[in-house]
């Protein structure tokens, strides 16, 4: 794997971690249960994407 590819994966990991954190924080503030559930599903999606990128290393 080239250095540029590693930088791309590192950047992608950072983005997915950021989105996961934002979804978690947003879900904690939501009153609407249906909307909270949707945002929690997005959080799980970003965790899966993070794990997929991490496996490339």
PDB file of N, CA and C in Angstrom:
ATOM      1  N   UNK A   1       0.853  -1.168   0.000  1.00  0.00           N
ATOM      2  CA  UNK A   1       0.000   0.000   0.000  1.00  0.00           C
ATOM      3  C   UNK A   1       0.903   1.237   0.000  1.00  0.00           C
ATOM      4  N   UNK A   2       0.573   2.184  -0.838  1.00  0.00           N
ATOM      5  CA  UNK A   2       1.396   3.384  -0.941  1.00  0.00           C
ATOM      6  C   UNK A   2       1.117   4.337   0.224  1.00  0.00           C
ATOM      7  N   UNK A   3       2.020   5.273   0.393  1.00  0.00           N
ATOM      8  CA  UNK A   3       1.846   6.271   1.444  1.00  0.00           C
ATOM      9  C   UNK A   3       0.593   7.105   1.226  1.00  0.00           C
ATOM     10  N   UNK A   4       0.305   7.410  -0.032  1.00  0.00           N
ATOM     11  CA  UNK A   4      -0.885   8.198  -0.350  1.00  0.00           C
ATOM     12  C   UNK A   4      -2.157   7.419  -0.004  1.00  0.00           C
ATOM     13  N   UNK A   5      -2.164   6.128  -0.267  1.00  0.00           N
ATOM     14  CA  UNK A   5      -3.323   5.293   0.081  1.00  0.00           C
ATOM     15  C   UNK A   5      -3.506   5.216   1.594  1.00  0.00           C
ATOM     16  N   UNK A   6      -2.406   5.104   2.310  1.00  0.00           N
ATOM     17  CA  UNK A   6      -2.484   5.081   3.776  1.00  0.00           C
ATOM     18  C   UNK A   6      -3.038   6.392   4.327  1.00  0.00           C
ATOM     19  N   UNK A   7      -2.628   7.501   3.731  1.00  0.00           N
ATOM     20  CA  UNK A   7      -3.155   8.798   4.155  1.00  0.00           C
ATOM     21  C   UNK A   7      -4.653   8.895   3.886  1.00  0.00           C
ATOM     22  N   UNK A   8      -5.086   8.350   2.746  1.00  0.00           N
ATOM     23  CA  UNK A   8      -6.509   8.359   2.424  1.00  0.00           C
ATOM     24  C   UNK A   8      -7.296   7.556   3.467  1.00  0.00           C
ATOM     25  N   UNK A   9      -6.802   6.390   3.821  1.00  0.00           N
ATOM     26  CA  UNK A   9      -7.486   5.548   4.803  1.00  0.00           C
ATOM     27  C   UNK A   9      -7.497   6.238   6.173  1.00  0.00           C
ATOM     28  N   UNK A  10      -6.381   6.850   6.533  1.00  0.00           N
ATOM     29  CA  UNK A  10      -6.318   7.575   7.806  1.00  0.00           C
ATOM     30  C   UNK A  10      -7.349   8.712   7.826  1.00  0.00           C
ATOM     31  N   UNK A  11      -7.449   9.427   6.726  1.00  0.00           N
ATOM     32  CA  UNK A  11      -8.420  10.513   6.617  1.00  0.00           C
ATOM     33  C   UNK A  11      -9.851   9.977   6.702  1.00  0.00           C
ATOM     34  N   UNK A  12     -10.107   8.883   6.009  1.00  0.00           N
ATOM     35  CA  UNK A  12     -11.440   8.268   6.030  1.00  0.00           C
ATOM     36  C   UNK A  12     -11.801   7.783   7.432  1.00  0.00           C
ATOM     37  N   UNK A  13     -10.823   7.205   8.144  1.00  0.00           N
ATOM     38  CA  UNK A  13     -11.059   6.775   9.526  1.00  0.00           C
ATOM     39  C   UNK A  13     -11.448   7.960  10.406  1.00  0.00           C
ATOM     40  N   UNK A  14     -10.751   9.057  10.232  1.00  0.00           N
ATOM     41  CA  UNK A  14     -11.046  10.249  11.009  1.00  0.00           C
ATOM     42  C   UNK A  14     -12.441  10.786  10.732  1.00  0.00           C
ATOM     43  N   UNK A  15     -12.825  10.794   9.457  1.00  0.00           N
ATOM     44  CA  UNK A  15     -14.162  11.269   9.097  1.00  0.00           C
ATOM     45  C   UNK A  15     -15.248  10.365   9.681  1.00  0.00           C
ATOM     46  N   UNK A  16     -15.066   9.080   9.556  1.00  0.00           N
ATOM     47  CA  UNK A  16     -16.080   8.153  10.073  1.00  0.00           C
ATOM     48  C   UNK A  16     -16.189   8.245  11.590  1.00  0.00           C
ATOM     49  N   UNK A  17     -15.065   8.410  12.249  1.00  0.00           N
ATOM     50  CA  UNK A  17     -15.079   8.556  13.708  1.00  0.00           C
ATOM     51  C   UNK A  17     -15.805   9.849  14.098  1.00  0.00           C
ATOM     52  N   UNK A  18     -15.551  10.921  13.351  1.00  0.00           N
ATOM     53  CA  UNK A  18     -16.215  12.195  13.610  1.00  0.00           C
ATOM     54  C   UNK A  18     -17.732  12.066  13.422  1.00  0.00           C
ATOM     55  N   UNK A  19     -18.157  11.465  12.308  1.00  0.00           N
ATOM     56  CA  UNK A  19     -19.588  11.303  12.044  1.00  0.00           C
ATOM     57  C   UNK A  19     -20.251  10.428  13.100  1.00  0.00           C
ATOM     58  N   UNK A  20     -19.563   9.404  13.525  1.00  0.00           N
ATOM     59  CA  UNK A  20     -20.098   8.515  14.558  1.00  0.00           C
ATOM     60  C   UNK A  20     -20.309   9.291  15.859  1.00  0.00           C
ATOM     61  N   UNK A  21     -19.334  10.095  16.239  1.00  0.00           N
ATOM     62  CA  UNK A  21     -19.441  10.902  17.458  1.00  0.00           C
ATOM     63  C   UNK A  21     -20.571  11.918  17.347  1.00  0.00           C
ATOM     64  N   UNK A  22     -20.682  12.565  16.195  1.00  0.00           N
ATOM     65  CA  UNK A  22     -21.739  13.550  16.004  1.00  0.00           C
ATOM     66  C   UNK A  22     -23.122  12.905  16.080  1.00  0.00           C
ATOM     67  N   UNK A  23     -23.277  11.743  15.487  1.00  0.00           N
ATOM     68  CA  UNK A  23     -24.560  11.034  15.541  1.00  0.00           C
ATOM     69  C   UNK A  23     -24.900  10.652  16.980  1.00  0.00           C
ATOM     70  N   UNK A  24     -23.906  10.173  17.711  1.00  0.00           N
ATOM     71  CA  UNK A  24     -24.132   9.779  19.104  1.00  0.00           C
ATOM     72  C   UNK A  24     -24.570  10.976  19.945  1.00  0.00           C
ATOM     73  N   UNK A  25     -23.878  12.100  19.777  1.00  0.00           N
ATOM     74  CA  UNK A  25     -24.223  13.307  20.532  1.00  0.00           C
ATOM     75  C   UNK A  25     -25.603  13.831  20.142  1.00  0.00           C
ATOM     76  N   UNK A  26     -25.916  13.790  18.864  1.00  0.00           N
ATOM     77  CA  UNK A  26     -27.217  14.266  18.395  1.00  0.00           C
ATOM     78  C   UNK A  26     -28.338  13.379  18.913  1.00  0.00           C
ATOM     79  N   UNK A  27     -28.151  12.071  18.846  1.00  0.00           N
ATOM     80  CA  UNK A  27     -29.177  11.135  19.313  1.00  0.00           C
ATOM     81  C   UNK A  27     -29.484  11.355  20.795  1.00  0.00           C
ATOM     82  N   UNK A  28     -28.461  11.688  21.567  1.00  0.00           N
ATOM     83  CA  UNK A  28     -28.647  11.897  23.004  1.00  0.00           C
ATOM     84  C   UNK A  28     -29.499  13.134  23.297  1.00  0.00           C
ATOM     85  N   UNK A  29     -29.548  14.058  22.352  1.00  0.00           N
ATOM     86  CA  UNK A  29     -30.285  15.299  22.560  1.00  0.00           C
ATOM     87  C   UNK A  29     -31.701  15.270  21.980  1.00  0.00           C
ATOM     88  N   UNK A  30     -32.005  14.272  21.180  1.00  0.00           N
ATOM     89  CA  UNK A  30     -33.305  14.236  20.507  1.00  0.00           C
ATOM     90  C   UNK A  30     -34.412  13.736  21.431  1.00  0.00           C
ATOM     91  N   UNK A  31     -35.566  14.356  21.327  1.00  0.00           N
ATOM     92  CA  UNK A  31     -36.742  13.956  22.099  1.00  0.00           C
ATOM     93  C   UNK A  31     -37.591  12.954  21.327  1.00  0.00           C
ATOM     94  N   UNK A  32     -37.655  13.113  20.020  1.00  0.00           N
ATOM     95  CA  UNK A  32     -38.473  12.253  19.161  1.00  0.00           C
ATOM     96  C   UNK A  32     -37.812  10.875  19.039  1.00  0.00           C
ATOM     97  N   UNK A  33     -38.507   9.841  19.500  1.00  0.00           N
ATOM     98  CA  UNK A  33     -37.935   8.485  19.537  1.00  0.00           C
ATOM     99  C   UNK A  33     -37.624   7.962  18.136  1.00  0.00           C
ATOM    100  N   UNK A  34     -38.500   8.213  17.187  1.00  0.00           N
ATOM    101  CA  UNK A  34     -38.296   7.725  15.821  1.00  0.00           C
ATOM    102  C   UNK A  34     -37.061   8.378  15.198  1.00  0.00           C
ATOM    103  N   UNK A  35     -36.918   9.666  15.395  1.00  0.00           N
ATOM    104  CA  UNK A  35     -35.760  10.378  14.868  1.00  0.00           C
ATOM    105  C   UNK A  35     -34.482   9.930  15.578  1.00  0.00           C
ATOM    106  N   UNK A  36     -34.562   9.725  16.891  1.00  0.00           N
ATOM    107  CA  UNK A  36     -33.406   9.240  17.655  1.00  0.00           C
ATOM    108  C   UNK A  36     -32.959   7.875  17.136  1.00  0.00           C
ATOM    109  N   UNK A  37     -33.927   7.022  16.830  1.00  0.00           N
ATOM    110  CA  UNK A  37     -33.607   5.692  16.318  1.00  0.00           C
ATOM    111  C   UNK A  37     -32.917   5.790  14.947  1.00  0.00           C
ATOM    112  N   UNK A  38     -33.385   6.698  14.105  1.00  0.00           N
ATOM    113  CA  UNK A  38     -32.772   6.894  12.792  1.00  0.00           C
ATOM    114  C   UNK A  38     -31.322   7.361  12.931  1.00  0.00           C
ATOM    115  N   UNK A  39     -31.093   8.318  13.809  1.00  0.00           N
ATOM    116  CA  UNK A  39     -29.738   8.830  14.001  1.00  0.00           C
ATOM    117  C   UNK A  39     -28.842   7.755  14.616  1.00  0.00           C
ATOM    118  N   UNK A  40     -29.378   6.934  15.484  1.00  0.00           N
ATOM    119  CA  UNK A  40     -28.607   5.823  16.058  1.00  0.00           C
ATOM    120  C   UNK A  40     -28.235   4.815  14.974  1.00  0.00           C
ATOM    121  N   UNK A  41     -29.140   4.576  14.031  1.00  0.00           N
ATOM    122  CA  UNK A  41     -28.815   3.694  12.907  1.00  0.00           C
ATOM    123  C   UNK A  41     -27.692   4.287  12.059  1.00  0.00           C
ATOM    124  N   UNK A  42     -27.717   5.603  11.876  1.00  0.00           N
ATOM    125  CA  UNK A  42     -26.625   6.264  11.147  1.00  0.00           C
ATOM    126  C   UNK A  42     -25.310   6.114  11.901  1.00  0.00           C
ATOM    127  N   UNK A  43     -25.365   6.231  13.213  1.00  0.00           N
ATOM    128  CA  UNK A  43     -24.171   6.032  14.036  1.00  0.00           C
ATOM    129  C   UNK A  43     -23.602   4.630  13.816  1.00  0.00           C
ATOM    130  N   UNK A  44     -24.468   3.629  13.807  1.00  0.00           N
ATOM    131  CA  UNK A  44     -24.024   2.250  13.596  1.00  0.00           C
ATOM    132  C   UNK A  44     -23.440   2.060  12.203  1.00  0.00           C
ATOM    133  N   UNK A  45     -24.026   2.717  11.213  1.00  0.00           N
ATOM    134  CA  UNK A  45     -23.504   2.644   9.844  1.00  0.00           C
ATOM    135  C   UNK A  45     -22.094   3.208   9.786  1.00  0.00           C
ATOM    136  N   UNK A  46     -21.885   4.347  10.442  1.00  0.00           N
ATOM    137  CA  UNK A  46     -20.551   4.950  10.436  1.00  0.00           C
ATOM    138  C   UNK A  46     -19.557   4.094  11.218  1.00  0.00           C
ATOM    139  N   UNK A  47     -20.003   3.396  12.250  1.00  0.00           N
ATOM    140  CA  UNK A  47     -19.117   2.473  12.964  1.00  0.00           C
ATOM    141  C   UNK A  47     -18.708   1.319  12.060  1.00  0.00           C
ATOM    142  N   UNK A  48     -19.656   0.794  11.298  1.00  0.00           N
ATOM    143  CA  UNK A  48     -19.344  -0.298  10.370  1.00  0.00           C
ATOM    144  C   UNK A  48     -18.365   0.166   9.296  1.00  0.00           C
ATOM    145  N   UNK A  49     -18.563   1.379   8.790  1.00  0.00           N
ATOM    146  CA  UNK A  49     -17.634   1.917   7.797  1.00  0.00           C
ATOM    147  C   UNK A  49     -16.246   2.108   8.388  1.00  0.00           C
ATOM    148  N   UNK A  50     -16.194   2.611   9.626  1.00  0.00           N
ATOM    149  CA  UNK A  50     -14.911   2.763  10.317  1.00  0.00           C
ATOM    150  C   UNK A  50     -14.212   1.412  10.424  1.00  0.00           C
ATOM    151  N   UNK A  51     -14.958   0.403  10.864  1.00  0.00           N
ATOM    152  CA  UNK A  51     -14.384  -0.935  11.016  1.00  0.00           C
ATOM    153  C   UNK A  51     -13.886  -1.485   9.678  1.00  0.00           C
ATOM    154  N   UNK A  52     -14.616  -1.219   8.613  1.00  0.00           N
ATOM    155  CA  UNK A  52     -14.206  -1.681   7.276  1.00  0.00           C
ATOM    156  C   UNK A  52     -12.905  -1.026   6.845  1.00  0.00           C
ATOM    157  N   UNK A  53     -12.804   0.291   7.048  1.00  0.00           N
ATOM    158  CA  UNK A  53     -11.567   0.981   6.697  1.00  0.00           C
ATOM    159  C   UNK A  53     -10.412   0.477   7.575  1.00  0.00           C
ATOM    160  N   UNK A  54     -10.681   0.257   8.852  1.00  0.00           N
ATOM    161  CA  UNK A  54      -9.648  -0.191   9.769  1.00  0.00           C
ATOM    162  C   UNK A  54      -9.107  -1.561   9.362  1.00  0.00           C
ATOM    163  N   UNK A  55      -9.975  -2.420   8.845  1.00  0.00           N
ATOM    164  CA  UNK A  55      -9.565  -3.751   8.412  1.00  0.00           C
ATOM    165  C   UNK A  55      -8.579  -3.678   7.237  1.00  0.00           C
ATOM    166  N   UNK A  56      -8.631  -2.599   6.483  1.00  0.00           N
ATOM    167  CA  UNK A  56      -7.698  -2.449   5.362  1.00  0.00           C
ATOM    168  C   UNK A  56      -6.262  -2.293   5.841  1.00  0.00           C
ATOM    169  N   UNK A  57      -6.111  -1.860   7.081  1.00  0.00           N
ATOM    170  CA  UNK A  57      -4.761  -1.687   7.616  1.00  0.00           C
ATOM    171  C   UNK A  57      -4.261  -3.027   8.088  1.00  0.00           C
TER     172      UNK A  57
END
